[in-house]
N, C-alpha and C. Protein backbone atom coordinates (compact mmCIF):
# COMPACT_ATOMS: atom_id res chain seq x y z
N UNK A 1 0.60 -1.03 0.01
CA UNK A 1 0.14 -0.02 -0.02
C UNK A 1 0.74 1.39 -0.15
N UNK A 2 2.04 1.07 0.91
CA UNK A 2 2.91 2.39 0.85
C UNK A 2 3.46 2.41 -0.48
N UNK A 3 3.96 1.64 -1.58
CA UNK A 3 4.39 1.75 -2.83
C UNK A 3 3.54 2.29 -3.50
N UNK A 4 2.47 1.99 -3.71
CA UNK A 4 1.33 2.69 -4.39
C UNK A 4 1.04 4.16 -4.09
N UNK A 5 0.99 4.40 -3.02
CA UNK A 5 1.36 5.64 -2.30
C UNK A 5 2.24 6.60 -2.98
N UNK A 6 3.33 6.08 -2.89
CA UNK A 6 4.63 6.28 -3.36
C UNK A 6 4.71 6.83 -5.05
N UNK A 7 4.16 5.95 -5.73
CA UNK A 7 3.73 5.99 -7.16
C UNK A 7 2.94 6.88 -7.45
N UNK A 8 1.88 6.91 -6.61
CA UNK A 8 0.53 8.21 -6.93
C UNK A 8 1.34 9.23 -6.65
N UNK A 9 2.11 9.58 -5.50
CA UNK A 9 2.36 10.93 -5.23
C UNK A 9 3.46 11.61 -6.09
N UNK A 10 4.19 10.65 -7.01
CA UNK A 10 5.20 10.90 -7.46
C UNK A 10 4.71 11.32 -9.14
N UNK A 11 3.76 10.28 -9.34
CA UNK A 11 2.98 10.97 -10.60
C UNK A 11 2.25 12.26 -10.47
N UNK A 12 1.71 12.68 -9.44
CA UNK A 12 1.00 13.75 -9.03
C UNK A 12 2.05 15.05 -9.29
N UNK A 13 3.16 14.51 -8.58
CA UNK A 13 4.14 15.63 -8.43
C UNK A 13 4.77 15.90 -9.83
N UNK A 14 4.84 15.14 -10.79
CA UNK A 14 5.62 15.25 -12.08
C UNK A 14 4.61 15.75 -12.84
N UNK A 15 3.49 15.74 -12.99
CA UNK A 15 2.38 16.37 -13.91
C UNK A 15 2.27 17.71 -13.71
N UNK A 16 2.73 18.29 -12.53
CA UNK A 16 2.64 19.64 -12.19
C UNK A 16 3.81 20.47 -13.13
N UNK A 17 4.67 19.73 -13.43
CA UNK A 17 6.12 20.29 -14.01
C UNK A 17 5.96 20.61 -15.24
N UNK A 18 6.55 21.97 -15.60
CA UNK A 18 6.39 22.53 -16.90
C UNK A 18 7.82 22.53 -17.67
N UNK A 19 8.60 21.90 -17.22
CA UNK A 19 10.20 21.70 -17.77
C UNK A 19 10.49 20.44 -17.96
N UNK A 20 10.84 20.36 -19.33
CA UNK A 20 11.31 19.31 -20.18
C UNK A 20 12.23 18.38 -19.37
N UNK A 21 13.18 18.98 -18.71
CA UNK A 21 14.41 18.29 -18.13
C UNK A 21 13.97 17.64 -17.24
N UNK A 22 13.02 18.13 -16.54
CA UNK A 22 12.82 17.83 -15.06
C UNK A 22 12.91 16.08 -14.92
N UNK A 23 12.30 15.28 -15.97
CA UNK A 23 12.60 13.95 -15.88
C UNK A 23 14.02 13.48 -15.67
N UNK A 24 14.67 14.07 -16.68
CA UNK A 24 16.34 13.79 -16.88
C UNK A 24 16.90 13.74 -15.48
N UNK A 25 16.67 14.81 -14.55
CA UNK A 25 17.37 14.83 -13.62
C UNK A 25 16.85 14.10 -12.38
N UNK A 26 15.63 13.36 -12.76
CA UNK A 26 14.91 12.39 -11.64
C UNK A 26 15.12 11.07 -12.49
N UNK A 27 16.01 10.66 -13.30
CA UNK A 27 15.79 9.20 -13.90
C UNK A 27 15.80 8.09 -12.99
N UNK A 28 16.55 8.21 -12.20
CA UNK A 28 16.58 7.16 -11.07
C UNK A 28 15.26 6.93 -10.30
N UNK A 29 14.85 7.89 -9.77
CA UNK A 29 13.38 7.57 -9.24
C UNK A 29 12.56 7.30 -10.10
N UNK A 30 12.43 7.37 -11.43
CA UNK A 30 11.48 7.35 -12.40
C UNK A 30 11.57 5.91 -12.62
N UNK A 31 12.60 5.38 -12.61
CA UNK A 31 13.08 3.76 -13.07
C UNK A 31 12.53 2.98 -11.89
N UNK A 32 13.01 3.46 -10.47
CA UNK A 32 12.17 2.71 -9.73
C UNK A 32 10.95 2.84 -9.26
N UNK A 33 10.10 4.02 -9.45
CA UNK A 33 8.69 3.77 -9.30
C UNK A 33 7.79 3.59 -10.20
N UNK A 34 8.40 4.07 -11.57
CA UNK A 34 7.16 3.49 -12.62
C UNK A 34 7.80 2.45 -13.51
N UNK A 35 8.98 2.84 -14.09
CA UNK A 35 9.34 1.88 -15.17
C UNK A 35 9.72 0.59 -14.76
N UNK A 36 10.34 0.13 -13.66
CA UNK A 36 10.65 -1.16 -13.27
C UNK A 36 9.13 -1.64 -12.99
N UNK A 37 8.31 -1.44 -12.11
CA UNK A 37 7.09 -2.04 -11.46
C UNK A 37 6.24 -2.23 -12.72
N UNK A 38 6.41 -1.79 -13.97
CA UNK A 38 5.77 -1.82 -15.09
C UNK A 38 6.25 -3.08 -16.03
N UNK A 39 7.53 -2.84 -16.02
CA UNK A 39 8.14 -3.96 -16.56
C UNK A 39 7.67 -5.49 -15.81
N UNK A 40 8.06 -5.28 -14.63
CA UNK A 40 7.58 -6.65 -13.69
C UNK A 40 6.23 -7.20 -13.82
N UNK A 41 5.32 -6.23 -13.72
CA UNK A 41 3.82 -6.36 -14.40
C UNK A 41 3.66 -7.03 -15.55
N UNK A 42 4.42 -6.51 -16.78
CA UNK A 42 4.33 -7.16 -17.97
C UNK A 42 4.74 -8.52 -18.09
N UNK A 43 6.23 -8.68 -17.44
CA UNK A 43 6.82 -10.30 -17.36
C UNK A 43 5.92 -11.06 -16.68
N UNK A 44 5.29 -10.68 -15.25
CA UNK A 44 4.47 -11.61 -14.49
C UNK A 44 3.04 -11.77 -15.55
N UNK A 45 2.61 -10.90 -16.02
CA UNK A 45 1.62 -11.17 -17.06
C UNK A 45 1.68 -12.16 -18.17
N UNK A 46 2.80 -11.89 -18.72
CA UNK A 46 3.39 -12.58 -19.90
C UNK A 46 3.57 -14.16 -19.38
N UNK A 47 3.99 -14.40 -17.94
CA UNK A 47 4.08 -15.61 -17.83
C UNK A 47 3.36 -16.64 -17.45
N UNK A 48 2.01 -15.48 -16.54
CA UNK A 48 0.72 -16.32 -16.62
C UNK A 48 0.15 -16.46 -17.38
N UNK A 49 -0.18 -15.53 -18.45
CA UNK A 49 -1.47 -15.70 -19.24
C UNK A 49 -0.78 -16.24 -20.48
N UNK A 50 0.36 -16.70 -20.68
CA UNK A 50 0.69 -17.05 -21.90
C UNK A 50 0.02 -18.22 -22.61
N UNK A 51 -0.27 -19.13 -21.56
CA UNK A 51 -1.26 -20.32 -22.10
C UNK A 51 -2.74 -20.24 -22.58
N UNK A 52 -3.15 -19.07 -21.75
CA UNK A 52 -4.91 -18.52 -21.77
C UNK A 52 -4.69 -17.62 -23.13
N UNK A 53 -3.80 -16.90 -23.12
CA UNK A 53 -3.73 -15.57 -24.33
C UNK A 53 -3.04 -16.17 -25.22
N UNK A 54 -3.18 -16.88 -26.10
CA UNK A 54 -2.42 -17.19 -27.30
C UNK A 54 -2.73 -16.07 -28.18
N UNK A 55 -1.64 -15.63 -28.94
CA UNK A 55 -1.73 -14.57 -30.03
C UNK A 55 -1.72 -13.15 -29.29
N UNK A 56 -1.76 -12.98 -28.14
CA UNK A 56 -1.60 -11.75 -27.51
C UNK A 56 -0.18 -11.20 -27.46
N UNK A 57 -0.54 -9.76 -27.70
CA UNK A 57 0.83 -9.30 -27.66
C UNK A 57 1.29 -8.29 -26.47
N UNK A 58 2.34 -8.61 -25.76
CA UNK A 58 2.94 -8.15 -24.44
C UNK A 58 4.00 -7.36 -24.56
N UNK A 59 3.47 -5.94 -25.08
CA UNK A 59 4.75 -5.16 -25.74
C UNK A 59 5.27 -4.46 -24.40
N UNK A 60 7.23 -4.27 -24.49
CA UNK A 60 7.60 -3.63 -23.70
C UNK A 60 8.52 -2.38 -24.23
N UNK A 61 8.46 -2.23 -25.61
CA UNK A 61 8.84 -1.20 -25.97
C UNK A 61 7.94 0.27 -25.74
N UNK A 62 8.44 1.18 -25.08
CA UNK A 62 7.57 2.35 -24.87
C UNK A 62 7.15 1.97 -23.43
N UNK A 63 7.28 0.94 -22.42
CA UNK A 63 6.26 0.77 -21.43
C UNK A 63 6.70 1.95 -20.48
N UNK A 64 6.16 2.59 -19.84
CA UNK A 64 6.13 3.66 -18.53
C UNK A 64 6.57 5.29 -19.37
N UNK A 65 6.31 5.29 -20.54
CA UNK A 65 6.76 6.45 -21.13
C UNK A 65 5.36 7.41 -20.75
N UNK A 66 6.42 8.78 -20.21
CA UNK A 66 5.54 9.49 -19.37
C UNK A 66 5.73 11.09 -20.11
N UNK A 67 6.69 10.89 -21.18
CA UNK A 67 6.50 12.55 -21.86
C UNK A 67 5.29 12.55 -22.68
N UNK A 68 4.89 13.63 -23.09
CA UNK A 68 3.88 13.71 -23.96
C UNK A 68 4.75 13.87 -25.21
N UNK A 69 3.69 13.88 -26.25
CA UNK A 69 4.49 14.32 -27.77
C UNK A 69 4.70 15.63 -27.57
N UNK A 70 5.62 16.31 -28.46
CA UNK A 70 6.01 17.53 -28.55
C UNK A 70 4.77 18.28 -29.28
N UNK A 71 3.88 18.07 -29.99
CA UNK A 71 2.68 18.45 -30.77
C UNK A 71 1.45 18.63 -29.59
N UNK A 72 1.84 17.57 -28.40
CA UNK A 72 0.35 17.87 -27.44
C UNK A 72 1.47 19.13 -26.32
N UNK A 73 2.59 18.88 -26.20
CA UNK A 73 3.16 20.27 -25.54
C UNK A 73 2.67 21.61 -26.21
N UNK A 74 2.91 21.61 -27.25
CA UNK A 74 2.84 22.79 -27.97
C UNK A 74 1.33 23.61 -27.64
N UNK A 75 0.56 22.44 -27.50
CA UNK A 75 -1.03 23.03 -27.39
C UNK A 75 -1.10 23.48 -26.06
N UNK A 76 -0.25 23.24 -25.20
CA UNK A 76 -0.29 24.01 -24.00
C UNK A 76 -0.26 23.00 -23.08
N UNK A 77 0.36 23.59 -21.62
CA UNK A 77 0.04 22.49 -20.46
C UNK A 77 1.27 21.55 -19.97
N UNK A 78 1.56 21.08 -19.46
CA UNK A 78 2.66 20.15 -18.97
C UNK A 78 3.42 19.26 -19.91
N UNK A 79 4.60 18.85 -19.67
CA UNK A 79 5.10 18.27 -20.75
C UNK A 79 5.09 16.77 -20.39
N UNK A 80 4.48 16.19 -19.17
CA UNK A 80 4.23 14.97 -18.82
C UNK A 80 2.42 14.55 -18.81
N UNK A 81 2.23 12.93 -19.05
CA UNK A 81 1.10 12.87 -19.04
C UNK A 81 0.56 12.79 -17.52
N UNK A 82 -0.64 12.69 -17.15
CA UNK A 82 -0.95 12.49 -16.08
C UNK A 82 -1.53 11.16 -15.41
N UNK A 83 -0.92 10.27 -16.40
CA UNK A 83 -1.62 8.73 -16.46
C UNK A 83 -0.36 7.91 -16.68
N UNK A 84 -0.41 6.70 -16.37
CA UNK A 84 0.42 5.64 -17.05
C UNK A 84 -0.39 4.30 -17.36
N UNK A 85 0.11 3.54 -18.22
CA UNK A 85 -0.53 2.35 -18.48
C UNK A 85 0.04 1.66 -19.07
N UNK A 86 -0.48 0.24 -19.24
CA UNK A 86 0.21 -0.98 -20.05
C UNK A 86 -1.19 -1.57 -20.62
N UNK A 87 -0.86 -1.91 -21.89
CA UNK A 87 -1.90 -2.56 -22.44
C UNK A 87 -1.69 -3.70 -23.39
N UNK A 88 -2.32 -4.94 -22.94
CA UNK A 88 -1.93 -6.19 -23.79
C UNK A 88 -3.25 -6.37 -24.85
N UNK A 89 -2.69 -6.66 -26.02
CA UNK A 89 -3.78 -6.84 -26.99
C UNK A 89 -3.41 -7.94 -27.86
N UNK A 90 -4.54 -8.29 -28.46
CA UNK A 90 -4.38 -9.63 -29.63
C UNK A 90 -4.47 -9.00 -31.05
N UNK A 91 -3.51 -8.91 -32.05
CA UNK A 91 -3.71 -8.01 -33.09
C UNK A 91 -4.81 -8.51 -33.82
N UNK A 92 -5.33 -7.62 -34.43
CA UNK A 92 -6.42 -7.68 -35.27
C UNK A 92 -6.34 -8.20 -36.87
N UNK A 93 -6.96 -8.97 -37.15
CA UNK A 93 -6.69 -9.53 -38.76
C UNK A 93 -7.16 -8.57 -39.84
N UNK A 94 -8.28 -7.92 -39.35
CA UNK A 94 -8.57 -6.73 -40.34
C UNK A 94 -8.98 -5.59 -39.44
N UNK A 95 -9.25 -4.15 -40.07
CA UNK A 95 -9.37 -2.85 -39.63
C UNK A 95 -10.66 -3.16 -39.03
N UNK A 96 -11.71 -3.93 -39.38
CA UNK A 96 -13.17 -3.96 -38.96
C UNK A 96 -13.23 -4.65 -37.39
N UNK A 97 -12.17 -5.93 -36.99
CA UNK A 97 -12.37 -6.42 -35.81
C UNK A 97 -11.93 -5.75 -34.75
N UNK A 98 -12.65 -5.93 -33.72
CA UNK A 98 -12.52 -5.53 -32.59
C UNK A 98 -12.10 -6.38 -31.49
N UNK A 99 -10.84 -6.76 -31.24
CA UNK A 99 -10.41 -7.91 -30.35
C UNK A 99 -10.27 -7.28 -28.71
N UNK A 100 -10.90 -8.20 -27.79
CA UNK A 100 -10.70 -7.76 -26.66
C UNK A 100 -9.03 -7.50 -26.02
N UNK A 101 -9.15 -6.69 -24.97
CA UNK A 101 -7.59 -6.25 -24.74
C UNK A 101 -7.58 -6.32 -22.74
N UNK A 102 -6.53 -6.17 -22.53
CA UNK A 102 -6.03 -6.15 -20.85
C UNK A 102 -5.77 -4.56 -20.57
N UNK A 103 -6.17 -3.73 -20.09
CA UNK A 103 -5.73 -2.37 -19.47
C UNK A 103 -5.53 -2.47 -18.20
N UNK A 104 -4.24 -1.95 -18.18
CA UNK A 104 -3.83 -1.31 -16.26
C UNK A 104 -3.44 -0.21 -16.66
N UNK A 105 -4.17 0.75 -15.64
CA UNK A 105 -3.74 2.19 -15.51
C UNK A 105 -3.83 2.76 -14.38
N UNK A 106 -3.01 3.64 -14.19
CA UNK A 106 -2.76 4.49 -13.09
C UNK A 106 -3.08 5.69 -13.40
N UNK A 107 -4.15 6.89 -13.03
CA UNK A 107 -4.55 7.87 -13.12
C UNK A 107 -4.27 8.95 -12.08
N UNK A 108 -3.45 9.86 -11.98
CA UNK A 108 -3.31 10.82 -10.79
C UNK A 108 -4.39 11.88 -10.68
N UNK A 109 -5.25 11.26 -10.02
CA UNK A 109 -6.11 12.48 -9.63
C UNK A 109 -6.68 12.22 -8.43
């Protein structure tokens, strides 16, 4: 419970930042509180669900990304998202197919 409170307070703290280099100075804390726990979640999900979720994609690239794209920053606001998420999907065979997905998110509100 204390770990979840630490993550939430970190996310709330970072969304108020208006400076893009803020994250660079706090990379160790970001890795410890955000990225590494999400990677552990992804590994645990892949291990536990591989047999039942055949064909699902468990992405690791971009996991825990909290910087907003530059076009979103240009529209105003902070340089960072106010949420983090991890989504497990099964690729669709055509553009009309809607496959179920697993969504894990933390919203700082």
